[in-house]
Amino acid sequence: MALEINKNNFSEVINSPLALVDFWAEWCQPCRMMTPIVEELAKEYEGKVKIGKVNVDNEPELAEKYGIMSIPAFLFFTQGKVADKVIGACPKEYLKEKIEKFLKGERK
């Protein structure tokens, strides 16, 4: 299951070797469409990649800090730094390809 990320556990999540953070909101239809995909990825990569969700309505300061202007927004973090991002709804395979490249040590 995807982690529920807030300001209290955010740095712990992003400081892992690889994290995928979904910035979303309940009122956002594309975000809701992506929820099952994020959950599937969290199950598939459990123990390999930290995958979680930040509700921008509950955590506006995190959204502002990372310049989130459109949601859903998917940020990939390696050792605490943004390594890549995807804005908008996308196919599961697209996110999977990016995860696999990071796991193989490739960039973007």
Protein backbone atom coordinates (compact mmCIF):
# COMPACT_ATOMS: atom_id res chain seq x y z
CA MET A 1 0.00 0.00 0.00
CA ALA A 2 1.23 3.50 -0.82
CA LEU A 3 2.43 5.48 2.16
CA GLU A 4 0.42 8.46 3.30
CA ILE A 5 3.05 11.18 3.35
CA ASN A 6 2.89 14.35 5.40
CA LYS A 7 5.38 16.91 6.67
CA ASN A 8 6.27 14.63 9.60
CA ASN A 9 7.47 11.65 7.53
CA PHE A 10 8.33 13.36 4.22
CA SER A 11 12.11 13.63 4.73
CA GLU A 12 12.32 10.01 5.90
CA VAL A 13 10.61 8.88 2.67
CA ILE A 14 12.59 11.01 0.21
CA ASN A 15 15.95 10.23 1.80
CA SER A 16 15.65 6.59 0.80
CA PRO A 17 17.64 5.34 -2.22
CA LEU A 18 14.56 5.75 -4.45
CA ALA A 19 11.15 7.23 -3.72
CA LEU A 20 8.17 8.05 -5.90
CA VAL A 21 5.87 10.69 -4.44
CA ASP A 22 2.43 11.37 -5.90
CA PHE A 23 1.14 14.88 -5.20
CA TRP A 24 -2.65 14.68 -5.48
CA ALA A 25 -6.04 15.87 -4.17
CA GLU A 26 -9.36 14.12 -3.66
CA TRP A 27 -11.27 16.54 -5.91
CA CYS A 28 -8.87 15.91 -8.84
CA GLN A 29 -10.37 13.39 -11.27
CA PRO A 30 -7.04 12.52 -12.99
CA CYS A 31 -5.54 12.00 -9.52
CA ARG A 32 -8.31 9.59 -8.62
CA MET A 33 -7.73 7.73 -11.90
CA MET A 34 -4.07 7.30 -10.94
CA THR A 35 -4.73 6.04 -7.40
CA PRO A 36 -5.10 2.34 -8.34
CA ILE A 37 -1.94 2.57 -10.45
CA VAL A 38 0.04 4.08 -7.57
CA GLU A 39 -1.28 1.35 -5.26
CA GLU A 40 -0.27 -1.37 -7.73
CA LEU A 41 3.22 0.08 -8.07
CA ALA A 42 3.54 0.27 -4.27
CA LYS A 43 2.75 -3.46 -4.04
CA GLU A 44 5.02 -4.44 -6.93
CA TYR A 45 8.01 -2.48 -5.63
CA GLU A 46 7.53 -3.04 -1.90
CA GLY A 47 10.93 -3.21 -0.25
CA LYS A 48 12.66 -1.71 -3.31
CA VAL A 49 11.08 1.73 -3.75
CA LYS A 50 9.24 3.92 -1.26
CA ILE A 51 6.01 4.96 -2.93
CA GLY A 52 3.63 7.38 -1.32
CA LYS A 53 1.07 10.13 -1.73
CA VAL A 54 0.95 13.74 -0.55
CA ASN A 55 -2.50 15.31 -0.41
CA VAL A 56 -1.80 18.89 -1.52
CA ASP A 57 -4.87 20.19 0.31
CA ASN A 58 -3.55 18.82 3.61
CA GLU A 59 0.12 19.62 2.97
CA PRO A 60 0.21 22.87 0.95
CA GLU A 61 3.69 23.76 2.21
CA LEU A 62 5.17 20.60 0.67
CA ALA A 63 3.44 21.31 -2.64
CA GLU A 64 4.77 24.87 -2.59
CA LYS A 65 8.30 23.80 -1.65
CA TYR A 66 8.47 21.55 -4.72
CA GLY A 67 6.71 23.96 -7.08
CA ILE A 68 3.67 21.78 -7.66
CA MET A 69 1.36 23.79 -9.92
CA SER A 70 -0.57 20.92 -11.56
CA ILE A 71 -1.69 17.59 -10.19
CA PRO A 72 -1.24 14.75 -10.29
CA ALA A 73 2.50 15.32 -10.11
CA PHE A 74 4.90 12.44 -9.61
CA LEU A 75 8.34 13.28 -8.24
CA PHE A 76 11.16 10.76 -8.17
CA PHE A 77 13.64 11.29 -5.34
CA THR A 78 17.05 9.74 -4.94
CA GLN A 79 18.81 10.40 -1.64
CA GLY A 80 16.61 13.41 -0.89
CA LYS A 81 16.93 15.17 -4.24
CA VAL A 82 14.38 15.42 -7.05
CA ALA A 83 15.77 13.25 -9.84
CA ASP A 84 12.82 13.34 -12.26
CA LYS A 85 9.16 14.28 -12.46
CA VAL A 86 6.03 13.46 -14.40
CA ILE A 87 3.11 15.89 -14.50
CA GLY A 88 -0.39 14.62 -15.25
CA ALA A 89 -2.04 11.26 -15.57
CA CYS A 90 -0.03 8.67 -17.46
CA PRO A 91 0.02 4.93 -18.15
CA LYS A 92 1.33 2.63 -15.44
CA GLU A 93 4.01 1.36 -17.82
CA TYR A 94 5.45 4.86 -18.19
CA LEU A 95 6.04 5.17 -14.43
CA LYS A 96 7.31 1.58 -14.31
CA GLU A 97 9.89 2.28 -17.02
CA LYS A 98 11.21 5.25 -15.05
CA ILE A 99 11.38 3.21 -11.83
CA GLU A 100 13.22 0.39 -13.61
CA LYS A 101 15.78 2.82 -15.07
CA PHE A 102 16.50 4.20 -11.62
CA LEU A 103 16.78 0.70 -10.15
CA LYS A 104 19.28 -0.22 -12.89
CA GLY A 105 21.31 2.88 -12.07
CA GLU A 106 20.36 4.79 -15.19
CA ARG A 107 19.27 8.43 -15.02
CA LYS A 108 15.90 9.60 -16.35
